[in-house]
Structures are given as C-alpha cells and as structure tokens.
C-alpha cells in the first residue's frame, strides 16, 4: 500500500556552489528524470530549501526502500545529490483535496 514519505537530499561532492542549479553538470538529465517522477505521481511536492544545499521531497511510495531505489536512478544520485533521510509522513491536513 502506498504511503507518503518525506525525503531530504543534500548536495553531493560534484555540486558546484558557485553555479546556479540550471548550470550544474547534467542538469537536463536530472530535470527530465525528476519531471518523470512528478508525471508518474511519485513526487507530490519538491524543491530546494532556503540554503540551496538541501532539497525536500514529498513522495508517494510503498516503502523507504522504494524511495531509495527510485532516487538511485537519478543521474545526480551520489554526485550532485545524496539522501539524508527518508521518513514516513502521516498526512492529517491536506488543503489540496476536498474533505
């Protein structure tokens, strides 16, 4: 059964803090991969946090293992982004859906 999980990722060893995200190596491949995750419904919400070195994702998946396996296919996995944590999330409030 699918559930929501919150995933925190941080910049990896090949992240260049002197460049904006769109100028990082392999940006197009990473962006296409992430757009595919949104289109499939896997990523519900996502984006960088204020420090621009961390990213938060709300995902819908069957398990932490499924999240880790899916994100391991990201062209930036291990180079530009690394997983800090994946935690189950009990959603009690959701303004996007009617009650």
C-alpha atoms as a PDB file:
ATOM      1  CA  UNK A   1       0.000   0.000   0.000  1.00  0.00           C
ATOM      2  CA  UNK A   2       1.367   3.400  -0.978  1.00  0.00           C
ATOM      3  CA  UNK A   3       2.108   5.994   1.691  1.00  0.00           C
ATOM      4  CA  UNK A   4       3.659   9.416   1.861  1.00  0.00           C
ATOM      5  CA  UNK A   5       7.305   9.796   2.771  1.00  0.00           C
ATOM      6  CA  UNK A   6       9.385  12.925   3.266  1.00  0.00           C
ATOM      7  CA  UNK A   7      12.837  12.731   1.758  1.00  0.00           C
ATOM      8  CA  UNK A   8      15.671  15.133   2.453  1.00  0.00           C
ATOM      9  CA  UNK A   9      18.549  15.245  -0.010  1.00  0.00           C
ATOM     10  CA  UNK A  10      21.689  17.360   0.207  1.00  0.00           C
ATOM     11  CA  UNK A  11      24.321  18.473  -2.238  1.00  0.00           C
ATOM     12  CA  UNK A  12      26.920  15.854  -3.097  1.00  0.00           C
ATOM     13  CA  UNK A  13      30.633  16.020  -3.928  1.00  0.00           C
ATOM     14  CA  UNK A  14      30.193  17.209  -7.528  1.00  0.00           C
ATOM     15  CA  UNK A  15      27.806  20.060  -6.618  1.00  0.00           C
ATOM     16  CA  UNK A  16      29.399  23.383  -7.537  1.00  0.00           C
ATOM     17  CA  UNK A  17      28.102  26.068  -5.132  1.00  0.00           C
ATOM     18  CA  UNK A  18      29.402  28.793  -7.464  1.00  0.00           C
ATOM     19  CA  UNK A  19      26.881  27.798 -10.160  1.00  0.00           C
ATOM     20  CA  UNK A  20      23.085  28.067 -10.185  1.00  0.00           C
ATOM     21  CA  UNK A  21      21.197  24.773 -10.335  1.00  0.00           C
ATOM     22  CA  UNK A  22      20.475  25.103 -14.051  1.00  0.00           C
ATOM     23  CA  UNK A  23      24.227  25.375 -14.778  1.00  0.00           C
ATOM     24  CA  UNK A  24      25.257  22.243 -12.866  1.00  0.00           C
ATOM     25  CA  UNK A  25      26.697  19.355 -14.887  1.00  0.00           C
ATOM     26  CA  UNK A  26      23.957  17.032 -16.259  1.00  0.00           C
ATOM     27  CA  UNK A  27      21.149  19.416 -15.222  1.00  0.00           C
ATOM     28  CA  UNK A  28      18.987  18.480 -18.221  1.00  0.00           C
ATOM     29  CA  UNK A  29      19.159  14.753 -17.460  1.00  0.00           C
ATOM     30  CA  UNK A  30      18.360  15.329 -13.771  1.00  0.00           C
ATOM     31  CA  UNK A  31      15.476  17.691 -14.587  1.00  0.00           C
ATOM     32  CA  UNK A  32      13.987  15.213 -17.085  1.00  0.00           C
ATOM     33  CA  UNK A  33      14.255  12.405 -14.525  1.00  0.00           C
ATOM     34  CA  UNK A  34      12.541  14.465 -11.821  1.00  0.00           C
ATOM     35  CA  UNK A  35       9.818  15.653 -14.232  1.00  0.00           C
ATOM     36  CA  UNK A  36       9.131  11.985 -14.951  1.00  0.00           C
ATOM     37  CA  UNK A  37       8.731  11.277 -11.238  1.00  0.00           C
ATOM     38  CA  UNK A  38       6.212  14.109 -10.978  1.00  0.00           C
ATOM     39  CA  UNK A  39       4.311  12.905 -14.065  1.00  0.00           C
ATOM     40  CA  UNK A  40       4.097   9.379 -12.630  1.00  0.00           C
ATOM     41  CA  UNK A  41       2.746  10.673  -9.287  1.00  0.00           C
ATOM     42  CA  UNK A  42       5.791   9.526  -7.312  1.00  0.00           C
ATOM     43  CA  UNK A  43       6.870  13.076  -6.389  1.00  0.00           C
ATOM     44  CA  UNK A  44       3.958  15.056  -4.951  1.00  0.00           C
ATOM     45  CA  UNK A  45       5.878  18.174  -3.899  1.00  0.00           C
ATOM     46  CA  UNK A  46       9.549  19.046  -4.079  1.00  0.00           C
ATOM     47  CA  UNK A  47      12.140  21.759  -4.206  1.00  0.00           C
ATOM     48  CA  UNK A  48      15.219  23.281  -2.614  1.00  0.00           C
ATOM     49  CA  UNK A  49      15.221  24.616   0.917  1.00  0.00           C
ATOM     50  CA  UNK A  50      16.419  28.143   1.673  1.00  0.00           C
ATOM     51  CA  UNK A  51      20.091  27.208   1.922  1.00  0.00           C
ATOM     52  CA  UNK A  52      20.006  25.828  -1.665  1.00  0.00           C
ATOM     53  CA  UNK A  53      22.122  22.862  -0.498  1.00  0.00           C
ATOM     54  CA  UNK A  54      19.198  20.729   0.642  1.00  0.00           C
ATOM     55  CA  UNK A  55      16.089  19.530  -1.170  1.00  0.00           C
ATOM     56  CA  UNK A  56      12.826  18.324   0.350  1.00  0.00           C
ATOM     57  CA  UNK A  57      10.583  15.884  -1.482  1.00  0.00           C
ATOM     58  CA  UNK A  58       7.152  14.588  -0.508  1.00  0.00           C
ATOM     59  CA  UNK A  59       6.732  11.290  -2.319  1.00  0.00           C
ATOM     60  CA  UNK A  60       4.061   8.634  -2.565  1.00  0.00           C
ATOM     61  CA  UNK A  61       5.625   5.173  -2.482  1.00  0.00           C
ATOM     62  CA  UNK A  62       5.247   1.757  -0.891  1.00  0.00           C
ATOM     63  CA  UNK A  63       8.339   1.943   1.324  1.00  0.00           C
ATOM     64  CA  UNK A  64      11.573   3.699   2.169  1.00  0.00           C
ATOM     65  CA  UNK A  65      13.352   1.096   0.060  1.00  0.00           C
ATOM     66  CA  UNK A  66      11.223   2.007  -2.952  1.00  0.00           C
ATOM     67  CA  UNK A  67      12.116   5.688  -2.484  1.00  0.00           C
ATOM     68  CA  UNK A  68      15.827   4.938  -2.222  1.00  0.00           C
ATOM     69  CA  UNK A  69      15.757   2.601  -5.249  1.00  0.00           C
ATOM     70  CA  UNK A  70      13.880   5.142  -7.366  1.00  0.00           C
ATOM     71  CA  UNK A  71      16.129   8.063  -6.447  1.00  0.00           C
ATOM     72  CA  UNK A  72      19.226   5.926  -7.064  1.00  0.00           C
ATOM     73  CA  UNK A  73      18.316   6.076 -10.770  1.00  0.00           C
ATOM     74  CA  UNK A  74      18.584   9.895 -10.752  1.00  0.00           C
ATOM     75  CA  UNK A  75      21.566  10.980 -12.904  1.00  0.00           C
ATOM     76  CA  UNK A  76      22.599  13.207  -9.970  1.00  0.00           C
ATOM     77  CA  UNK A  77      22.418  10.405  -7.381  1.00  0.00           C
ATOM     78  CA  UNK A  78      25.665  10.239  -5.426  1.00  0.00           C
ATOM     79  CA  UNK A  79      27.299  13.001  -7.425  1.00  0.00           C
ATOM     80  CA  UNK A  80      25.192  16.137  -7.053  1.00  0.00           C
ATOM     81  CA  UNK A  81      22.604  14.848  -4.569  1.00  0.00           C
ATOM     82  CA  UNK A  82      22.771  12.392  -1.681  1.00  0.00           C
ATOM     83  CA  UNK A  83      19.936  11.176   0.535  1.00  0.00           C
ATOM     84  CA  UNK A  84      19.995  12.423   4.125  1.00  0.00           C
ATOM     85  CA  UNK A  85      16.767  10.795   5.281  1.00  0.00           C
ATOM     86  CA  UNK A  86      13.533   9.141   4.213  1.00  0.00           C
ATOM     87  CA  UNK A  87      10.737   9.173   6.783  1.00  0.00           C
ATOM     88  CA  UNK A  88       7.090   8.074   6.712  1.00  0.00           C
ATOM     89  CA  UNK A  89       4.706  11.009   6.929  1.00  0.00           C
ATOM     90  CA  UNK A  90       1.217  10.870   8.379  1.00  0.00           C
ATOM     91  CA  UNK A  91      -0.762  13.477   6.462  1.00  0.00           C
ATOM     92  CA  UNK A  92      -3.608  14.776   8.602  1.00  0.00           C
ATOM     93  CA  UNK A  93      -4.210  18.061   6.794  1.00  0.00           C
ATOM     94  CA  UNK A  94      -4.406  18.396   3.033  1.00  0.00           C
ATOM     95  CA  UNK A  95      -5.802  21.598   1.565  1.00  0.00           C
ATOM     96  CA  UNK A  96      -5.359  20.284  -1.990  1.00  0.00           C
ATOM     97  CA  UNK A  97      -8.200  17.741  -1.726  1.00  0.00           C
ATOM     98  CA  UNK A  98     -11.832  18.147  -0.711  1.00  0.00           C
ATOM     99  CA  UNK A  99     -12.746  16.627   2.663  1.00  0.00           C
END
